Amino acid sequence: MSLFGLGNRNQKTFRPKKNAPSGNKGVQLKKYIDATLGSGNLKEAVRLPPGEDLNEWLAVNTVDFFNQANLLYGSLMEFCTPTICSTMSAGPTFEYRWADGVKIKKPIEVSAPKYMEYLMDWIEAQLDDESIFPQRLGTPFPPNFQEIIKTIFKRLFRVYAHIYHSHFQKIIILKEEAHLNTCFKHFTYFTWEFKLINKGELAPLHDLIESILHAY
């Protein structure tokens, strides 16, 4: 969609782009999202369409936000290296350690690019798991689906937090700040609308979020 288009140099993604869930009403909802985003009205774009299922809406949007973060980070991969970003941080106060509760149960300190690799692999595994994101018509979502969604969004927020704190000057040089700000505004509106991230987790970008929500 044109609203989130990037220049040719940034079509590289950190992970291959994911498609909307094909089961249930995923494809139709994806078209609705594209249409509302195309209008430029982000507030309208995040709201649950009348009569639609909340879990369906969360599922389709989760894929979209994964793709957005994937594309944004893909444009910065050459600047976010283990040498430059030896820890996954958001400024001097906030550092993120990785654990997925399965392969890595105890949080470990890793570089930002390694954290991104773990994160995108983990999200992809959730999106590809049909017991979590059903592909067949009529297959129910799991009882803990919304908790899984909250964990995905909490971790996607860390991508934005790291980019703003560690790479914003590079974003300005690349003339991508408007794109980044629009993506994050969309992300913020959506997470606020459905209460997906605890306020404490948002502290690294508190002032920016407050300015965005002031107009919501």
Protein backbone atom coordinates (compact mmCIF):
# COMPACT_ATOMS: atom_id res chain seq x y z
CA MET A 1 0.00 0.00 0.00
CA SER A 2 1.31 3.43 -0.80
CA LEU A 3 1.00 4.76 2.76
CA PHE A 4 3.75 2.45 3.93
CA GLY A 5 5.80 2.33 0.74
CA LEU A 6 9.56 2.53 0.94
CA GLY A 7 12.18 3.47 -1.61
CA ASN A 8 13.75 0.78 -3.78
CA ARG A 9 16.84 0.48 -1.59
CA ASN A 10 14.74 -0.68 1.32
CA GLN A 11 12.75 -3.47 -0.24
CA LYS A 12 15.08 -5.92 1.53
CA THR A 13 13.31 -7.51 4.48
CA PHE A 14 14.83 -9.14 7.53
CA ARG A 15 12.46 -12.09 7.03
CA PRO A 16 10.23 -12.97 4.04
CA LYS A 17 6.93 -11.12 4.05
CA LYS A 18 4.04 -13.06 5.55
CA ASN A 19 0.59 -13.24 3.96
CA ALA A 20 -2.66 -12.67 5.80
CA PRO A 21 -4.23 -15.82 7.28
CA SER A 22 -6.20 -17.48 4.48
CA GLY A 23 -8.68 -19.18 6.76
CA ASN A 24 -11.90 -17.66 8.02
CA LYS A 25 -12.16 -14.01 6.89
CA GLY A 26 -8.49 -13.12 6.83
CA VAL A 27 -8.26 -12.17 3.17
CA GLN A 28 -11.40 -10.01 3.26
CA LEU A 29 -10.21 -8.23 6.41
CA LYS A 30 -6.80 -7.61 4.83
CA LYS A 31 -8.53 -5.86 1.93
CA TYR A 32 -10.50 -3.76 4.42
CA ILE A 33 -7.28 -2.77 6.21
CA ASP A 34 -5.63 -1.77 2.93
CA ALA A 35 -8.64 0.31 1.96
CA THR A 36 -8.84 2.18 5.27
CA LEU A 37 -5.08 2.74 5.40
CA GLY A 38 -5.22 4.04 1.87
CA SER A 39 -7.63 6.72 3.07
CA GLY A 40 -4.95 7.96 5.47
CA ASN A 41 -7.26 7.69 8.50
CA LEU A 42 -5.25 5.65 10.99
CA LYS A 43 -7.83 5.96 13.76
CA GLU A 44 -10.46 4.39 11.54
CA ALA A 45 -8.00 1.80 10.26
CA VAL A 46 -7.38 0.27 13.70
CA ARG A 47 -10.97 -0.01 14.88
CA LEU A 48 -12.76 -3.36 14.79
CA PRO A 49 -15.16 -3.29 11.82
CA PRO A 50 -18.82 -3.67 12.87
CA GLY A 51 -19.88 -7.28 13.14
CA GLU A 52 -16.37 -8.72 12.79
CA ASP A 53 -14.68 -11.16 15.17
CA LEU A 54 -12.04 -9.60 17.42
CA ASN A 55 -9.62 -12.52 17.15
CA GLU A 56 -9.83 -12.47 13.35
CA TRP A 57 -9.05 -8.75 13.41
CA LEU A 58 -6.13 -9.20 15.78
CA ALA A 59 -4.72 -12.05 13.67
CA VAL A 60 -4.74 -10.20 10.35
CA ASN A 61 -3.30 -7.03 11.87
CA THR A 62 -0.58 -8.97 13.68
CA VAL A 63 0.70 -10.25 10.33
CA ASP A 64 0.64 -6.68 8.96
CA PHE A 65 2.56 -5.25 11.92
CA PHE A 66 5.10 -8.08 11.71
CA ASN A 67 5.66 -7.22 8.05
CA GLN A 68 6.03 -3.50 8.83
CA ALA A 69 8.63 -4.10 11.58
CA ASN A 70 10.37 -6.63 9.36
CA LEU A 71 10.69 -4.11 6.52
CA LEU A 72 11.81 -1.30 8.81
CA TYR A 73 14.53 -3.35 10.45
CA GLY A 74 15.55 -4.80 7.08
CA SER A 75 16.41 -1.28 5.93
CA LEU A 76 18.78 -0.87 8.89
CA MET A 77 20.47 -4.26 9.00
CA GLU A 78 23.76 -2.97 7.62
CA PHE A 79 23.90 -0.34 10.38
CA CYS A 80 22.76 -2.56 13.26
CA THR A 81 25.69 -4.93 13.77
CA PRO A 82 26.96 -6.88 16.80
CA THR A 83 29.82 -4.36 17.04
CA ILE A 84 27.66 -1.23 16.91
CA CYS A 85 24.74 -2.69 18.91
CA SER A 86 26.36 -5.19 21.26
CA THR A 87 23.23 -5.30 23.42
CA MET A 88 19.54 -5.04 22.59
CA SER A 89 18.79 -1.71 24.22
CA ALA A 90 16.50 1.30 24.06
CA GLY A 91 18.68 4.06 25.41
CA PRO A 92 20.96 3.81 28.46
CA THR A 93 18.20 2.69 30.84
CA PHE A 94 16.46 -0.16 29.03
CA GLU A 95 18.08 -3.41 27.97
CA TYR A 96 16.23 -6.43 26.62
CA ARG A 97 17.34 -10.02 27.13
CA TRP A 98 15.99 -12.90 25.11
CA ALA A 99 14.04 -15.94 26.30
CA ASP A 100 11.31 -17.86 24.52
CA GLY A 101 10.41 -20.24 27.34
CA VAL A 102 11.16 -23.27 25.18
CA LYS A 103 14.62 -23.33 23.58
CA ILE A 104 15.95 -20.54 25.78
CA LYS A 105 14.24 -20.57 29.17
CA LYS A 106 16.57 -18.26 31.08
CA PRO A 107 16.91 -14.73 29.61
CA ILE A 108 20.27 -14.24 27.91
CA GLU A 109 22.12 -11.10 26.89
CA VAL A 110 22.60 -10.93 23.12
CA SER A 111 23.43 -8.28 20.53
CA ALA A 112 20.59 -6.33 18.93
CA PRO A 113 20.84 -8.18 15.57
CA LYS A 114 20.85 -11.55 17.35
CA TYR A 115 17.84 -10.48 19.42
CA MET A 116 16.05 -9.46 16.22
CA GLU A 117 16.87 -12.84 14.69
CA TYR A 118 15.49 -14.69 17.71
CA LEU A 119 12.43 -12.41 17.79
CA MET A 120 11.50 -12.70 14.12
CA ASP A 121 12.05 -16.49 14.20
CA TRP A 122 9.79 -16.73 17.24
CA ILE A 123 7.03 -14.59 15.73
CA GLU A 124 7.20 -16.53 12.47
CA ALA A 125 6.81 -19.77 14.40
CA GLN A 126 3.65 -18.39 16.06
CA LEU A 127 2.21 -17.17 12.74
CA ASP A 128 2.92 -20.51 11.05
CA ASP A 129 1.38 -22.56 13.85
CA GLU A 130 -2.15 -23.40 12.71
CA SER A 131 -3.20 -24.20 16.27
CA ILE A 132 -2.59 -20.50 17.06
CA PHE A 133 -3.35 -18.80 13.73
CA PRO A 134 -5.96 -21.05 12.04
CA GLN A 135 -5.83 -21.34 8.26
CA ARG A 136 -8.95 -23.43 7.75
CA LEU A 137 -12.43 -21.95 7.70
CA GLY A 138 -14.26 -22.44 10.98
CA THR A 139 -11.21 -23.54 13.00
CA PRO A 140 -11.38 -21.81 16.40
CA PHE A 141 -8.64 -19.68 17.88
CA PRO A 142 -7.02 -21.08 21.06
CA PRO A 143 -8.33 -19.85 24.44
CA ASN A 144 -5.02 -18.06 25.15
CA PHE A 145 -4.87 -16.39 21.71
CA GLN A 146 -5.11 -12.82 22.98
CA GLU A 147 -2.32 -13.43 25.51
CA ILE A 148 -0.09 -14.68 22.70
CA ILE A 149 -0.96 -11.57 20.67
CA LYS A 150 -0.02 -9.34 23.61
CA THR A 151 3.38 -11.03 23.87
CA ILE A 152 3.98 -10.57 20.14
CA PHE A 153 3.12 -6.86 20.30
CA LYS A 154 5.17 -6.32 23.46
CA ARG A 155 8.19 -7.72 21.63
CA LEU A 156 7.47 -5.86 18.38
CA PHE A 157 7.45 -2.65 20.40
CA ARG A 158 11.07 -3.36 21.32
CA VAL A 159 12.00 -3.20 17.62
CA TYR A 160 10.64 0.36 17.46
CA ALA A 161 12.24 1.29 20.79
CA HIS A 162 15.65 0.13 19.59
CA ILE A 163 15.32 1.86 16.21
CA TYR A 164 14.28 5.20 17.73
CA HIS A 165 16.99 5.17 20.39
CA SER A 166 19.88 3.68 18.41
CA HIS A 167 19.25 4.41 14.74
CA PHE A 168 17.04 7.48 14.41
CA GLN A 169 19.86 9.66 13.09
CA LYS A 170 20.49 7.10 10.37
CA ILE A 171 16.75 7.06 9.61
CA ILE A 172 16.90 10.84 9.12
CA ILE A 173 19.89 10.53 6.79
CA LEU A 174 17.96 7.92 4.77
CA LYS A 175 14.94 10.30 4.74
CA GLU A 176 12.71 7.61 6.23
CA GLU A 177 11.63 9.39 9.42
CA ALA A 178 8.13 10.12 8.07
CA HIS A 179 7.69 6.47 7.18
CA LEU A 180 8.95 5.30 10.58
CA ASN A 181 6.74 7.79 12.43
CA THR A 182 3.65 6.77 10.45
CA CYS A 183 4.30 3.08 11.09
CA PHE A 184 4.78 3.68 14.80
CA LYS A 185 1.72 5.91 15.01
CA HIS A 186 -0.34 3.14 13.41
CA PHE A 187 1.22 0.60 15.82
CA THR A 188 0.52 2.85 18.82
CA TYR A 189 -3.10 3.47 17.86
CA PHE A 190 -3.71 -0.26 17.43
CA THR A 191 -2.07 -1.33 20.68
CA TRP A 192 -3.90 1.43 22.56
CA GLU A 193 -7.27 0.58 21.00
CA PHE A 194 -7.04 -3.06 22.15
CA LYS A 195 -4.90 -2.57 25.30
CA LEU A 196 -2.19 -4.92 24.05
CA ILE A 197 0.87 -3.56 25.89
CA ASN A 198 1.22 -2.69 29.56
CA LYS A 199 2.11 0.95 30.21
CA GLY A 200 5.38 0.04 31.92
CA GLU A 201 6.65 -1.68 28.77
CA LEU A 202 6.14 1.56 26.82
CA ALA A 203 8.44 3.64 29.05
CA PRO A 204 11.36 3.85 26.55
CA LEU A 205 9.17 5.85 24.15
CA HIS A 206 6.84 7.43 26.71
CA ASP A 207 7.06 11.02 25.49
CA LEU A 208 6.61 10.07 21.83
CA ILE A 209 3.63 7.86 22.64
CA GLU A 210 2.03 10.58 24.75
CA SER A 211 2.32 13.04 21.86
CA ILE A 212 0.77 10.50 19.48
CA LEU A 213 -2.11 9.62 21.80
CA HIS A 214 -2.83 13.29 22.54
CA ALA A 215 -4.41 13.48 19.10
CA TYR A 216 -6.15 10.07 19.31
